[in-house]
Amino acid sequence: MAEFYNYLVGVLIVIGAAFALVAAIGLVRLPDFYSRTHAASKAGTLGACVVLIALSIYTDDASVTTRALAGVVFFLLTAPISAHLLARAAYIAGYKLWHGSVHDDMARQDKTAPATID
């Protein structure tokens, strides 16, 4: 059974590394800030989570397993929120969408947003 766990951990690490590689390629190849942020947040989060799950399977220490699974939960809760906030801040700061983008949800949303008091 231990040999099965070793193979499982190896496969999970390779899968996690593949997702990290996809995130890195997305950062280099995609055309604008928003697409790059999307690639880094989705693939990078999944890659890190899979590697942490592999760590939790590999180790015999309950405290390491608990910390690894807490890291997975932390990644899954914070990475999408931070990516959304970064993209929203970039849009408000004036970063333009790629010319090939076909839909701009934020333009419609900004017109219906309530006015703020300065």
N, C-alpha and C. Protein backbone atom coordinates (compact mmCIF):
# COMPACT_ATOMS: atom_id res chain seq x y z
N MET A 1 0.82 -1.20 0.00
CA MET A 1 0.00 0.00 0.00
C MET A 1 0.86 1.26 0.00
N ALA A 2 2.02 1.19 0.65
CA ALA A 2 2.91 2.36 0.69
C ALA A 2 3.41 2.70 -0.71
N GLU A 3 3.63 1.68 -1.53
CA GLU A 3 4.09 1.93 -2.89
C GLU A 3 3.01 2.65 -3.70
N PHE A 4 1.76 2.31 -3.49
CA PHE A 4 0.66 3.00 -4.16
C PHE A 4 0.64 4.47 -3.78
N TYR A 5 0.83 4.77 -2.49
CA TYR A 5 0.84 6.16 -2.04
C TYR A 5 2.00 6.93 -2.66
N ASN A 6 3.15 6.28 -2.80
CA ASN A 6 4.29 6.94 -3.43
C ASN A 6 3.98 7.29 -4.89
N TYR A 7 3.37 6.36 -5.61
CA TYR A 7 2.98 6.64 -6.99
C TYR A 7 1.93 7.74 -7.06
N LEU A 8 0.96 7.70 -6.17
CA LEU A 8 -0.09 8.72 -6.14
C LEU A 8 0.50 10.10 -5.88
N VAL A 9 1.41 10.18 -4.91
CA VAL A 9 2.06 11.45 -4.60
C VAL A 9 2.87 11.94 -5.80
N GLY A 10 3.57 11.04 -6.45
CA GLY A 10 4.34 11.43 -7.64
C GLY A 10 3.46 11.96 -8.75
N VAL A 11 2.35 11.30 -8.99
CA VAL A 11 1.41 11.74 -10.03
C VAL A 11 0.83 13.11 -9.66
N LEU A 12 0.46 13.29 -8.40
CA LEU A 12 -0.10 14.58 -7.98
C LEU A 12 0.92 15.71 -8.11
N ILE A 13 2.17 15.44 -7.79
CA ILE A 13 3.19 16.47 -7.92
C ILE A 13 3.40 16.83 -9.39
N VAL A 14 3.40 15.84 -10.26
CA VAL A 14 3.54 16.12 -11.69
C VAL A 14 2.34 16.92 -12.20
N ILE A 15 1.14 16.58 -11.76
CA ILE A 15 -0.05 17.33 -12.16
C ILE A 15 0.03 18.77 -11.65
N GLY A 16 0.42 18.94 -10.39
CA GLY A 16 0.57 20.29 -9.84
C GLY A 16 1.61 21.10 -10.57
N ALA A 17 2.73 20.47 -10.91
CA ALA A 17 3.77 21.16 -11.67
C ALA A 17 3.28 21.52 -13.07
N ALA A 18 2.47 20.66 -13.67
CA ALA A 18 1.92 20.95 -14.99
C ALA A 18 0.99 22.17 -14.93
N PHE A 19 0.17 22.25 -13.90
CA PHE A 19 -0.69 23.43 -13.76
C PHE A 19 0.13 24.69 -13.52
N ALA A 20 1.20 24.58 -12.74
CA ALA A 20 2.07 25.74 -12.54
C ALA A 20 2.74 26.15 -13.85
N LEU A 21 3.12 25.17 -14.66
CA LEU A 21 3.70 25.47 -15.97
C LEU A 21 2.69 26.16 -16.88
N VAL A 22 1.46 25.70 -16.86
CA VAL A 22 0.40 26.34 -17.66
C VAL A 22 0.21 27.79 -17.20
N ALA A 23 0.24 28.02 -15.90
CA ALA A 23 0.12 29.39 -15.38
C ALA A 23 1.28 30.25 -15.86
N ALA A 24 2.48 29.72 -15.84
CA ALA A 24 3.65 30.48 -16.29
C ALA A 24 3.58 30.77 -17.79
N ILE A 25 3.16 29.80 -18.57
CA ILE A 25 3.01 30.02 -20.01
C ILE A 25 1.92 31.06 -20.27
N GLY A 26 0.84 31.01 -19.49
CA GLY A 26 -0.22 32.01 -19.63
C GLY A 26 0.26 33.41 -19.32
N LEU A 27 1.14 33.54 -18.34
CA LEU A 27 1.68 34.86 -18.02
C LEU A 27 2.52 35.42 -19.16
N VAL A 28 3.19 34.55 -19.87
CA VAL A 28 4.06 35.00 -20.96
C VAL A 28 3.28 35.21 -22.25
N ARG A 29 2.33 34.35 -22.55
CA ARG A 29 1.70 34.33 -23.87
C ARG A 29 0.41 35.13 -24.00
N LEU A 30 -0.32 35.34 -22.94
CA LEU A 30 -1.63 35.98 -23.06
C LEU A 30 -1.47 37.49 -23.30
N PRO A 31 -2.45 38.11 -23.96
CA PRO A 31 -2.25 39.46 -24.50
C PRO A 31 -2.40 40.61 -23.51
N ASP A 32 -3.21 40.50 -22.50
CA ASP A 32 -3.43 41.65 -21.63
C ASP A 32 -3.39 41.26 -20.16
N PHE A 33 -3.43 42.28 -19.33
CA PHE A 33 -3.33 42.08 -17.88
C PHE A 33 -4.42 41.17 -17.35
N TYR A 34 -5.62 41.34 -17.83
CA TYR A 34 -6.76 40.59 -17.31
C TYR A 34 -6.65 39.10 -17.63
N SER A 35 -6.24 38.78 -18.83
CA SER A 35 -6.05 37.38 -19.20
C SER A 35 -4.91 36.75 -18.41
N ARG A 36 -3.84 37.51 -18.23
CA ARG A 36 -2.70 37.00 -17.46
C ARG A 36 -3.08 36.76 -16.00
N THR A 37 -3.84 37.68 -15.45
CA THR A 37 -4.29 37.50 -14.07
C THR A 37 -5.18 36.27 -13.95
N HIS A 38 -6.03 36.06 -14.92
CA HIS A 38 -6.91 34.89 -14.92
C HIS A 38 -6.09 33.60 -14.96
N ALA A 39 -5.12 33.55 -15.85
CA ALA A 39 -4.29 32.34 -15.98
C ALA A 39 -3.51 32.07 -14.70
N ALA A 40 -2.92 33.11 -14.15
CA ALA A 40 -2.11 32.92 -12.94
C ALA A 40 -2.96 32.52 -11.75
N SER A 41 -4.14 33.10 -11.63
CA SER A 41 -4.96 32.78 -10.45
C SER A 41 -5.58 31.40 -10.55
N LYS A 42 -6.09 31.03 -11.70
CA LYS A 42 -6.76 29.73 -11.82
C LYS A 42 -5.76 28.58 -11.81
N ALA A 43 -4.84 28.58 -12.76
CA ALA A 43 -3.90 27.46 -12.88
C ALA A 43 -2.90 27.44 -11.73
N GLY A 44 -2.45 28.60 -11.30
CA GLY A 44 -1.50 28.64 -10.18
C GLY A 44 -2.11 28.15 -8.88
N THR A 45 -3.33 28.53 -8.63
CA THR A 45 -4.02 28.07 -7.42
C THR A 45 -4.23 26.57 -7.45
N LEU A 46 -4.68 26.06 -8.56
CA LEU A 46 -4.90 24.62 -8.66
C LEU A 46 -3.60 23.85 -8.54
N GLY A 47 -2.53 24.34 -9.16
CA GLY A 47 -1.23 23.68 -9.06
C GLY A 47 -0.71 23.64 -7.64
N ALA A 48 -0.80 24.76 -6.94
CA ALA A 48 -0.34 24.80 -5.55
C ALA A 48 -1.18 23.90 -4.66
N CYS A 49 -2.48 23.88 -4.89
CA CYS A 49 -3.36 23.04 -4.07
C CYS A 49 -3.08 21.56 -4.29
N VAL A 50 -2.84 21.16 -5.52
CA VAL A 50 -2.56 19.75 -5.79
C VAL A 50 -1.24 19.33 -5.15
N VAL A 51 -0.23 20.20 -5.19
CA VAL A 51 1.05 19.88 -4.56
C VAL A 51 0.89 19.79 -3.04
N LEU A 52 0.10 20.68 -2.45
CA LEU A 52 -0.13 20.60 -1.01
C LEU A 52 -0.92 19.35 -0.62
N ILE A 53 -1.84 18.94 -1.46
CA ILE A 53 -2.56 17.68 -1.20
C ILE A 53 -1.60 16.50 -1.28
N ALA A 54 -0.67 16.54 -2.24
CA ALA A 54 0.34 15.48 -2.33
C ALA A 54 1.20 15.46 -1.07
N LEU A 55 1.55 16.62 -0.56
CA LEU A 55 2.31 16.68 0.69
C LEU A 55 1.53 16.08 1.84
N SER A 56 0.25 16.38 1.92
CA SER A 56 -0.55 15.84 3.02
C SER A 56 -0.69 14.32 2.93
N ILE A 57 -0.69 13.77 1.73
CA ILE A 57 -0.74 12.31 1.58
C ILE A 57 0.60 11.69 1.92
N TYR A 58 1.69 12.35 1.54
CA TYR A 58 3.03 11.79 1.71
C TYR A 58 3.48 11.73 3.16
N THR A 59 3.17 12.74 3.93
CA THR A 59 3.71 12.84 5.28
C THR A 59 2.94 11.96 6.25
N ASP A 60 3.64 11.54 7.30
CA ASP A 60 3.01 10.76 8.37
C ASP A 60 2.66 11.63 9.57
N ASP A 61 3.08 12.88 9.53
CA ASP A 61 2.88 13.79 10.66
C ASP A 61 1.53 14.49 10.52
N ALA A 62 0.70 14.39 11.54
CA ALA A 62 -0.64 14.99 11.50
C ALA A 62 -0.58 16.51 11.46
N SER A 63 0.42 17.11 12.10
CA SER A 63 0.50 18.57 12.10
C SER A 63 0.87 19.10 10.71
N VAL A 64 1.73 18.39 9.99
CA VAL A 64 2.07 18.80 8.63
C VAL A 64 0.87 18.63 7.71
N THR A 65 0.15 17.53 7.87
CA THR A 65 -1.05 17.30 7.07
C THR A 65 -2.08 18.38 7.32
N THR A 66 -2.27 18.73 8.58
CA THR A 66 -3.24 19.78 8.93
C THR A 66 -2.84 21.11 8.32
N ARG A 67 -1.57 21.46 8.40
CA ARG A 67 -1.10 22.72 7.82
C ARG A 67 -1.23 22.72 6.30
N ALA A 68 -0.93 21.59 5.68
CA ALA A 68 -1.05 21.52 4.22
C ALA A 68 -2.50 21.67 3.78
N LEU A 69 -3.41 21.00 4.46
CA LEU A 69 -4.83 21.13 4.10
C LEU A 69 -5.36 22.52 4.43
N ALA A 70 -4.86 23.13 5.51
CA ALA A 70 -5.23 24.52 5.80
C ALA A 70 -4.72 25.44 4.70
N GLY A 71 -3.53 25.15 4.17
CA GLY A 71 -3.01 25.92 3.05
C GLY A 71 -3.87 25.79 1.81
N VAL A 72 -4.38 24.59 1.56
CA VAL A 72 -5.29 24.38 0.42
C VAL A 72 -6.54 25.23 0.58
N VAL A 73 -7.13 25.18 1.76
CA VAL A 73 -8.34 25.98 2.02
C VAL A 73 -8.03 27.46 1.88
N PHE A 74 -6.89 27.90 2.42
CA PHE A 74 -6.49 29.29 2.32
C PHE A 74 -6.34 29.72 0.86
N PHE A 75 -5.64 28.90 0.05
CA PHE A 75 -5.49 29.21 -1.37
C PHE A 75 -6.84 29.30 -2.07
N LEU A 76 -7.70 28.33 -1.82
CA LEU A 76 -8.99 28.31 -2.52
C LEU A 76 -9.89 29.47 -2.12
N LEU A 77 -9.74 29.97 -0.91
CA LEU A 77 -10.57 31.09 -0.47
C LEU A 77 -10.00 32.44 -0.87
N THR A 78 -8.69 32.59 -0.88
CA THR A 78 -8.11 33.92 -1.08
C THR A 78 -7.66 34.22 -2.50
N ALA A 79 -7.20 33.24 -3.24
CA ALA A 79 -6.66 33.51 -4.58
C ALA A 79 -7.72 34.05 -5.55
N PRO A 80 -8.92 33.48 -5.63
CA PRO A 80 -9.92 34.07 -6.54
C PRO A 80 -10.35 35.48 -6.14
N ILE A 81 -10.45 35.71 -4.84
CA ILE A 81 -10.85 37.03 -4.37
C ILE A 81 -9.78 38.06 -4.68
N SER A 82 -8.52 37.72 -4.43
CA SER A 82 -7.44 38.67 -4.70
C SER A 82 -7.30 38.92 -6.21
N ALA A 83 -7.47 37.90 -7.03
CA ALA A 83 -7.40 38.10 -8.48
C ALA A 83 -8.54 39.01 -8.96
N HIS A 84 -9.72 38.81 -8.40
CA HIS A 84 -10.86 39.67 -8.76
C HIS A 84 -10.58 41.12 -8.36
N LEU A 85 -10.07 41.32 -7.16
CA LEU A 85 -9.81 42.68 -6.70
C LEU A 85 -8.69 43.35 -7.50
N LEU A 86 -7.66 42.58 -7.87
CA LEU A 86 -6.60 43.14 -8.71
C LEU A 86 -7.14 43.55 -10.08
N ALA A 87 -7.97 42.71 -10.67
CA ALA A 87 -8.53 43.04 -11.98
C ALA A 87 -9.46 44.25 -11.89
N ARG A 88 -10.24 44.31 -10.84
CA ARG A 88 -11.14 45.46 -10.67
C ARG A 88 -10.35 46.76 -10.46
N ALA A 89 -9.31 46.70 -9.65
CA ALA A 89 -8.47 47.88 -9.43
C ALA A 89 -7.78 48.31 -10.72
N ALA A 90 -7.34 47.35 -11.52
CA ALA A 90 -6.71 47.69 -12.80
C ALA A 90 -7.71 48.34 -13.74
N TYR A 91 -8.94 47.85 -13.74
CA TYR A 91 -9.97 48.43 -14.60
C TYR A 91 -10.28 49.87 -14.17
N ILE A 92 -10.42 50.06 -12.88
CA ILE A 92 -10.72 51.40 -12.37
C ILE A 92 -9.55 52.35 -12.63
N ALA A 93 -8.31 51.82 -12.57
CA ALA A 93 -7.13 52.64 -12.84
C ALA A 93 -6.97 52.98 -14.32
N GLY A 94 -7.72 52.31 -15.19
CA GLY A 94 -7.71 52.66 -16.59
C GLY A 94 -7.00 51.70 -17.52
N TYR A 95 -6.60 50.54 -17.04
CA TYR A 95 -5.99 49.55 -17.93
C TYR A 95 -7.04 49.09 -18.94
N LYS A 96 -6.69 49.17 -20.20
CA LYS A 96 -7.62 48.84 -21.27
C LYS A 96 -7.69 47.33 -21.49
N LEU A 97 -8.86 46.89 -21.93
CA LEU A 97 -9.02 45.49 -22.33
C LEU A 97 -8.29 45.26 -23.65
N TRP A 98 -7.98 44.01 -23.91
CA TRP A 98 -7.39 43.63 -25.18
C TRP A 98 -8.37 43.96 -26.29
N HIS A 99 -7.87 44.39 -27.44
CA HIS A 99 -8.76 44.80 -28.54
C HIS A 99 -9.61 43.64 -29.05
N GLY A 100 -9.24 42.41 -28.78
CA GLY A 100 -10.03 41.26 -29.20
C GLY A 100 -11.12 40.87 -28.21
N SER A 101 -11.21 41.57 -27.09
CA SER A 101 -12.26 41.28 -26.11
C SER A 101 -13.61 41.66 -26.69
N VAL A 102 -14.59 40.81 -26.50
CA VAL A 102 -15.89 41.05 -27.12
C VAL A 102 -16.94 41.56 -26.14
N HIS A 103 -16.66 41.49 -24.84
CA HIS A 103 -17.67 41.86 -23.87
C HIS A 103 -17.00 42.54 -22.68
N ASP A 104 -17.56 43.67 -22.25
CA ASP A 104 -17.01 44.43 -21.12
C ASP A 104 -18.10 44.57 -20.06
N ASP A 105 -18.11 43.66 -19.10
CA ASP A 105 -19.11 43.70 -18.03
C ASP A 105 -18.93 44.91 -17.12
N MET A 106 -17.71 45.34 -16.92
CA MET A 106 -17.46 46.44 -15.99
C MET A 106 -17.98 47.78 -16.52
N ALA A 107 -18.02 47.97 -17.82
CA ALA A 107 -18.52 49.23 -18.37
C ALA A 107 -19.99 49.40 -18.03
N ARG A 108 -20.75 48.34 -18.14
CA ARG A 108 -22.17 48.38 -17.79
C ARG A 108 -22.34 48.55 -16.28
N GLN A 109 -21.49 47.90 -15.52
CA GLN A 109 -21.60 47.94 -14.06
C GLN A 109 -21.24 49.32 -13.52
N ASP A 110 -20.25 49.98 -14.12
CA ASP A 110 -19.84 51.30 -13.64
C ASP A 110 -20.94 52.34 -13.83
N LYS A 111 -21.76 52.20 -14.87
CA LYS A 111 -22.82 53.17 -15.12
C LYS A 111 -23.96 53.03 -14.11
N THR A 112 -24.14 51.83 -13.59
CA THR A 112 -25.23 51.62 -12.65
C THR A 112 -24.78 51.70 -11.20
N ALA A 113 -23.49 51.92 -10.97
CA ALA A 113 -22.99 51.98 -9.59
C ALA A 113 -23.45 53.27 -8.93
N PRO A 114 -23.74 53.24 -7.65
CA PRO A 114 -24.16 54.46 -6.96
C PRO A 114 -23.00 55.45 -6.85
N ALA A 115 -23.35 56.72 -6.84
CA ALA A 115 -22.33 57.76 -6.73
C ALA A 115 -21.74 57.75 -5.32
N THR A 116 -20.46 58.06 -5.24
CA THR A 116 -19.80 58.12 -3.94
C THR A 116 -19.56 59.57 -3.56
N ILE A 117 -19.51 59.81 -2.28
CA ILE A 117 -19.26 61.15 -1.77
C ILE A 117 -17.77 61.29 -1.50
N ASP A 118 -17.15 62.30 -2.08
CA ASP A 118 -15.71 62.51 -1.88
C ASP A 118 -15.43 63.38 -0.69
